[in-house]
Amino acid sequence: MKDSLLNELDRTDMKILRALQAEGRLTNADLAARVNVSPATCHRRTERLMQQGYVMDVRACIAPEAVGLGALVMVGVVLDRSTPESFASFEEAVHAMQEVLDCNLVAGDFDYLLKIRVCDMADFNKLHGERLIALPGVRQTRTFFVMKSVKDNAPLRF
């Protein structure tokens, strides 16, 4: 699948994607210069890549500690039932939680793995006691406090 999707992109498209991934704030003129095409061509191609879903989002990466969210917590969640309805209810409720950065349905010991940002352990304790264990269908949670991020949100290699 990966190869078939990448085959639809030419060398210029790949250069645009790599440049945007490395530095999403590039102006169209700067991006065009980096990939060696005219600004009009660059704009057209970038718009097409966005419309076709190759670029999902362009945004700033905020330092969590700078905004008071210094604690990173991973939570494994086991649901009481493995039905499409219980998964859908859980996923809908998780979407409403701003503290949850990522939610992934996984194979293994858990049904879901959540990546959560909070102020500190006390903040997580409150979130856990009041909201996490009250999510639809939650039977069990297992919490892992991240002591150090060794590699976070690395760029895709393609």
C-alpha atoms as a PDB file:
ATOM      1  CA  MET A   1       0.000   0.000   0.000  1.00  0.00           C
ATOM      2  CA  LYS A   2       2.765   2.440   0.967  1.00  0.00           C
ATOM      3  CA  ASP A   3       4.572   1.934  -2.330  1.00  0.00           C
ATOM      4  CA  SER A   4       1.395   2.423  -4.390  1.00  0.00           C
ATOM      5  CA  LEU A   5       0.609   5.699  -2.626  1.00  0.00           C
ATOM      6  CA  LEU A   6       4.171   6.946  -2.939  1.00  0.00           C
ATOM      7  CA  ASN A   7       4.203   6.027  -6.631  1.00  0.00           C
ATOM      8  CA  GLU A   8       1.475   8.640  -7.156  1.00  0.00           C
ATOM      9  CA  LEU A   9       3.878  11.323  -5.947  1.00  0.00           C
ATOM     10  CA  ASP A  10       6.765  12.597  -7.997  1.00  0.00           C
ATOM     11  CA  ARG A  11      10.103  13.866  -6.702  1.00  0.00           C
ATOM     12  CA  THR A  12       8.825  17.451  -6.330  1.00  0.00           C
ATOM     13  CA  ASP A  13       5.806  16.319  -4.306  1.00  0.00           C
ATOM     14  CA  MET A  14       8.103  14.344  -2.010  1.00  0.00           C
ATOM     15  CA  LYS A  15      10.397  17.376  -1.566  1.00  0.00           C
ATOM     16  CA  ILE A  16       7.390  19.549  -0.676  1.00  0.00           C
ATOM     17  CA  LEU A  17       6.161  17.015   1.895  1.00  0.00           C
ATOM     18  CA  ARG A  18       9.595  16.638   3.485  1.00  0.00           C
ATOM     19  CA  ALA A  19      10.129  20.401   3.649  1.00  0.00           C
ATOM     20  CA  LEU A  20       6.700  21.029   5.197  1.00  0.00           C
ATOM     21  CA  GLN A  21       7.224  18.268   7.728  1.00  0.00           C
ATOM     22  CA  ALA A  22      10.562  19.765   8.762  1.00  0.00           C
ATOM     23  CA  GLU A  23       9.314  23.351   8.883  1.00  0.00           C
ATOM     24  CA  GLY A  24       5.590  23.946   8.495  1.00  0.00           C
ATOM     25  CA  ARG A  25       5.902  27.740   8.718  1.00  0.00           C
ATOM     26  CA  LEU A  26       7.670  28.133   5.378  1.00  0.00           C
ATOM     27  CA  THR A  27       6.142  30.738   3.128  1.00  0.00           C
ATOM     28  CA  ASN A  28       5.128  29.525  -0.294  1.00  0.00           C
ATOM     29  CA  ALA A  29       8.017  31.508  -1.815  1.00  0.00           C
ATOM     30  CA  ASP A  30      10.552  29.902   0.545  1.00  0.00           C
ATOM     31  CA  LEU A  31       9.087  26.451  -0.032  1.00  0.00           C
ATOM     32  CA  ALA A  32       9.212  26.961  -3.807  1.00  0.00           C
ATOM     33  CA  ALA A  33      12.872  27.983  -3.586  1.00  0.00           C
ATOM     34  CA  ARG A  34      13.724  24.925  -1.503  1.00  0.00           C
ATOM     35  CA  VAL A  35      12.112  22.499  -3.922  1.00  0.00           C
ATOM     36  CA  ASN A  36      13.246  24.399  -7.010  1.00  0.00           C
ATOM     37  CA  VAL A  37       9.890  25.217  -8.630  1.00  0.00           C
ATOM     38  CA  SER A  38       7.999  28.429  -9.279  1.00  0.00           C
ATOM     39  CA  PRO A  39       5.822  29.824  -6.461  1.00  0.00           C
ATOM     40  CA  ALA A  40       2.674  29.244  -8.553  1.00  0.00           C
ATOM     41  CA  THR A  41       3.592  25.606  -9.199  1.00  0.00           C
ATOM     42  CA  CYS A  42       4.498  25.127  -5.551  1.00  0.00           C
ATOM     43  CA  HIS A  43       1.200  26.603  -4.378  1.00  0.00           C
ATOM     44  CA  ARG A  44      -0.806  24.418  -6.773  1.00  0.00           C
ATOM     45  CA  ARG A  45       1.038  21.272  -5.714  1.00  0.00           C
ATOM     46  CA  THR A  46       0.827  22.056  -2.000  1.00  0.00           C
ATOM     47  CA  GLU A  47      -2.920  22.673  -2.261  1.00  0.00           C
ATOM     48  CA  ARG A  48      -3.352  19.381  -4.140  1.00  0.00           C
ATOM     49  CA  LEU A  49      -1.324  17.485  -1.518  1.00  0.00           C
ATOM     50  CA  MET A  50      -3.502  18.966   1.218  1.00  0.00           C
ATOM     51  CA  GLN A  51      -6.763  18.241  -0.606  1.00  0.00           C
ATOM     52  CA  GLN A  52      -5.697  14.650  -1.281  1.00  0.00           C
ATOM     53  CA  GLY A  53      -4.928  14.113   2.403  1.00  0.00           C
ATOM     54  CA  TYR A  54      -1.143  13.815   2.250  1.00  0.00           C
ATOM     55  CA  VAL A  55      -0.836  16.789   4.619  1.00  0.00           C
ATOM     56  CA  MET A  56      -3.145  16.311   7.587  1.00  0.00           C
ATOM     57  CA  ASP A  57      -2.382  19.484   9.510  1.00  0.00           C
ATOM     58  CA  VAL A  58       0.081  22.337   9.884  1.00  0.00           C
ATOM     59  CA  ARG A  59       0.452  23.739  13.378  1.00  0.00           C
ATOM     60  CA  ALA A  60       2.892  24.931  16.008  1.00  0.00           C
ATOM     61  CA  CYS A  61       4.369  22.515  18.564  1.00  0.00           C
ATOM     62  CA  ILE A  62       3.874  24.076  21.985  1.00  0.00           C
ATOM     63  CA  ALA A  63       6.260  23.251  24.839  1.00  0.00           C
ATOM     64  CA  PRO A  64       3.980  21.469  27.361  1.00  0.00           C
ATOM     65  CA  GLU A  65       5.900  22.674  30.403  1.00  0.00           C
ATOM     66  CA  ALA A  66       5.602  26.287  29.238  1.00  0.00           C
ATOM     67  CA  VAL A  67       1.797  26.065  29.424  1.00  0.00           C
ATOM     68  CA  GLY A  68       1.637  24.141  32.692  1.00  0.00           C
ATOM     69  CA  LEU A  69       1.200  20.634  31.275  1.00  0.00           C
ATOM     70  CA  GLY A  70       4.462  19.049  32.373  1.00  0.00           C
ATOM     71  CA  ALA A  71       3.199  15.552  33.188  1.00  0.00           C
ATOM     72  CA  LEU A  72       2.866  13.006  30.392  1.00  0.00           C
ATOM     73  CA  VAL A  73       0.875   9.891  31.225  1.00  0.00           C
ATOM     74  CA  MET A  74       0.184   6.758  29.194  1.00  0.00           C
ATOM     75  CA  VAL A  75      -2.930   4.835  30.190  1.00  0.00           C
ATOM     76  CA  GLY A  76      -3.884   1.368  29.035  1.00  0.00           C
ATOM     77  CA  VAL A  77      -7.639   0.824  29.068  1.00  0.00           C
ATOM     78  CA  VAL A  78      -9.524  -2.477  29.075  1.00  0.00           C
ATOM     79  CA  LEU A  79     -13.228  -2.349  28.251  1.00  0.00           C
ATOM     80  CA  ASP A  80     -15.769  -4.691  29.790  1.00  0.00           C
ATOM     81  CA  ARG A  81     -17.061  -5.787  26.362  1.00  0.00           C
ATOM     82  CA  SER A  82     -15.504  -6.066  22.916  1.00  0.00           C
ATOM     83  CA  THR A  83     -18.433  -4.954  20.796  1.00  0.00           C
ATOM     84  CA  PRO A  84     -18.674  -2.296  18.118  1.00  0.00           C
ATOM     85  CA  GLU A  85     -21.142  -0.395  20.304  1.00  0.00           C
ATOM     86  CA  SER A  86     -18.880  -0.355  23.372  1.00  0.00           C
ATOM     87  CA  PHE A  87     -15.899   0.741  21.272  1.00  0.00           C
ATOM     88  CA  ALA A  88     -17.958   3.509  19.651  1.00  0.00           C
ATOM     89  CA  SER A  89     -19.255   4.783  23.014  1.00  0.00           C
ATOM     90  CA  PHE A  90     -15.773   4.831  24.510  1.00  0.00           C
ATOM     91  CA  GLU A  91     -14.241   6.564  21.477  1.00  0.00           C
ATOM     92  CA  GLU A  92     -16.956   9.230  21.406  1.00  0.00           C
ATOM     93  CA  ALA A  93     -16.400  10.014  25.091  1.00  0.00           C
ATOM     94  CA  VAL A  94     -12.607  10.167  24.673  1.00  0.00           C
ATOM     95  CA  HIS A  95     -12.968  12.698  21.833  1.00  0.00           C
ATOM     96  CA  ALA A  96     -14.547  15.098  24.320  1.00  0.00           C
ATOM     97  CA  MET A  97     -11.562  14.954  26.707  1.00  0.00           C
ATOM     98  CA  GLN A  98      -9.076  17.726  25.954  1.00  0.00           C
ATOM     99  CA  GLU A  99      -6.416  16.104  28.164  1.00  0.00           C
ATOM    100  CA  VAL A 100      -6.244  13.066  25.873  1.00  0.00           C
ATOM    101  CA  LEU A 101      -3.734  13.784  23.113  1.00  0.00           C
ATOM    102  CA  ASP A 102      -3.835  10.370  21.446  1.00  0.00           C
ATOM    103  CA  CYS A 103      -6.166   7.402  21.683  1.00  0.00           C
ATOM    104  CA  ASN A 104      -5.286   4.212  19.842  1.00  0.00           C
ATOM    105  CA  LEU A 105      -7.137   0.916  19.591  1.00  0.00           C
ATOM    106  CA  VAL A 106      -4.398  -1.660  20.187  1.00  0.00           C
ATOM    107  CA  ALA A 107      -3.823  -5.400  20.165  1.00  0.00           C
ATOM    108  CA  GLY A 108      -2.445  -6.988  23.296  1.00  0.00           C
ATOM    109  CA  ASP A 109      -3.159  -6.520  26.988  1.00  0.00           C
ATOM    110  CA  PHE A 110      -5.284  -3.391  26.513  1.00  0.00           C
ATOM    111  CA  ASP A 111      -8.092  -2.343  24.208  1.00  0.00           C
ATOM    112  CA  TYR A 112      -6.884   1.273  24.036  1.00  0.00           C
ATOM    113  CA  LEU A 113      -3.718   3.162  24.806  1.00  0.00           C
ATOM    114  CA  LEU A 114      -4.185   6.820  25.755  1.00  0.00           C
ATOM    115  CA  LYS A 115      -1.553   9.551  25.780  1.00  0.00           C
ATOM    116  CA  ILE A 116      -2.555  12.226  28.285  1.00  0.00           C
ATOM    117  CA  ARG A 117      -1.067  15.613  29.277  1.00  0.00           C
ATOM    118  CA  VAL A 118      -1.818  17.082  32.705  1.00  0.00           C
ATOM    119  CA  CYS A 119      -0.186  19.532  35.151  1.00  0.00           C
ATOM    120  CA  ASP A 120       1.101  17.000  37.647  1.00  0.00           C
ATOM    121  CA  MET A 121       0.321  13.752  39.431  1.00  0.00           C
ATOM    122  CA  ALA A 122      -2.408  15.364  41.557  1.00  0.00           C
ATOM    123  CA  ASP A 123      -4.082  16.667  38.399  1.00  0.00           C
ATOM    124  CA  PHE A 124      -3.978  13.186  36.866  1.00  0.00           C
ATOM    125  CA  ASN A 125      -5.322  11.636  40.072  1.00  0.00           C
ATOM    126  CA  LYS A 126      -8.343  13.920  39.874  1.00  0.00           C
ATOM    127  CA  LEU A 127      -8.843  13.219  36.147  1.00  0.00           C
ATOM    128  CA  HIS A 128      -8.547   9.480  36.736  1.00  0.00           C
ATOM    129  CA  GLY A 129     -10.916   9.394  39.692  1.00  0.00           C
ATOM    130  CA  GLU A 130     -13.574  11.653  38.212  1.00  0.00           C
ATOM    131  CA  ARG A 131     -13.515  11.013  34.485  1.00  0.00           C
ATOM    132  CA  LEU A 132     -11.274   8.240  33.162  1.00  0.00           C
ATOM    133  CA  ILE A 133     -12.746   5.369  35.143  1.00  0.00           C
ATOM    134  CA  ALA A 134     -16.221   6.736  34.423  1.00  0.00           C
ATOM    135  CA  LEU A 135     -15.790   6.497  30.643  1.00  0.00           C
ATOM    136  CA  PRO A 136     -18.303   4.153  28.991  1.00  0.00           C
ATOM    137  CA  GLY A 137     -17.394   0.490  29.321  1.00  0.00           C
ATOM    138  CA  VAL A 138     -14.122   0.922  31.231  1.00  0.00           C
ATOM    139  CA  ARG A 139     -13.354  -2.187  33.273  1.00  0.00           C
ATOM    140  CA  GLN A 140      -9.702  -1.512  34.078  1.00  0.00           C
ATOM    141  CA  THR A 141      -6.962   1.061  33.561  1.00  0.00           C
ATOM    142  CA  ARG A 142      -3.223   0.777  33.905  1.00  0.00           C
ATOM    143  CA  THR A 143      -1.236   3.983  34.284  1.00  0.00           C
ATOM    144  CA  PHE A 144       2.341   4.734  33.287  1.00  0.00           C
ATOM    145  CA  PHE A 145       3.899   8.099  34.178  1.00  0.00           C
ATOM    146  CA  VAL A 146       6.507   9.121  31.615  1.00  0.00           C
ATOM    147  CA  MET A 147       9.736   9.995  33.378  1.00  0.00           C
ATOM    148  CA  LYS A 148      11.573  11.177  30.269  1.00  0.00           C
ATOM    149  CA  SER A 149      10.604  11.523  26.615  1.00  0.00           C
ATOM    150  CA  VAL A 150      13.461  10.009  24.669  1.00  0.00           C
ATOM    151  CA  LYS A 151      11.871  10.421  21.226  1.00  0.00           C
ATOM    152  CA  ASP A 152       8.612  12.260  20.701  1.00  0.00           C
ATOM    153  CA  ASN A 153       6.679  12.931  17.507  1.00  0.00           C
ATOM    154  CA  ALA A 154       9.571  12.094  15.222  1.00  0.00           C
ATOM    155  CA  PRO A 155       9.134  13.009  11.552  1.00  0.00           C
ATOM    156  CA  LEU A 156       7.926  10.294   9.195  1.00  0.00           C
ATOM    157  CA  ARG A 157      10.582   8.747   6.963  1.00  0.00           C
ATOM    158  CA  PHE A 158       9.459   8.123   3.408  1.00  0.00           C
END
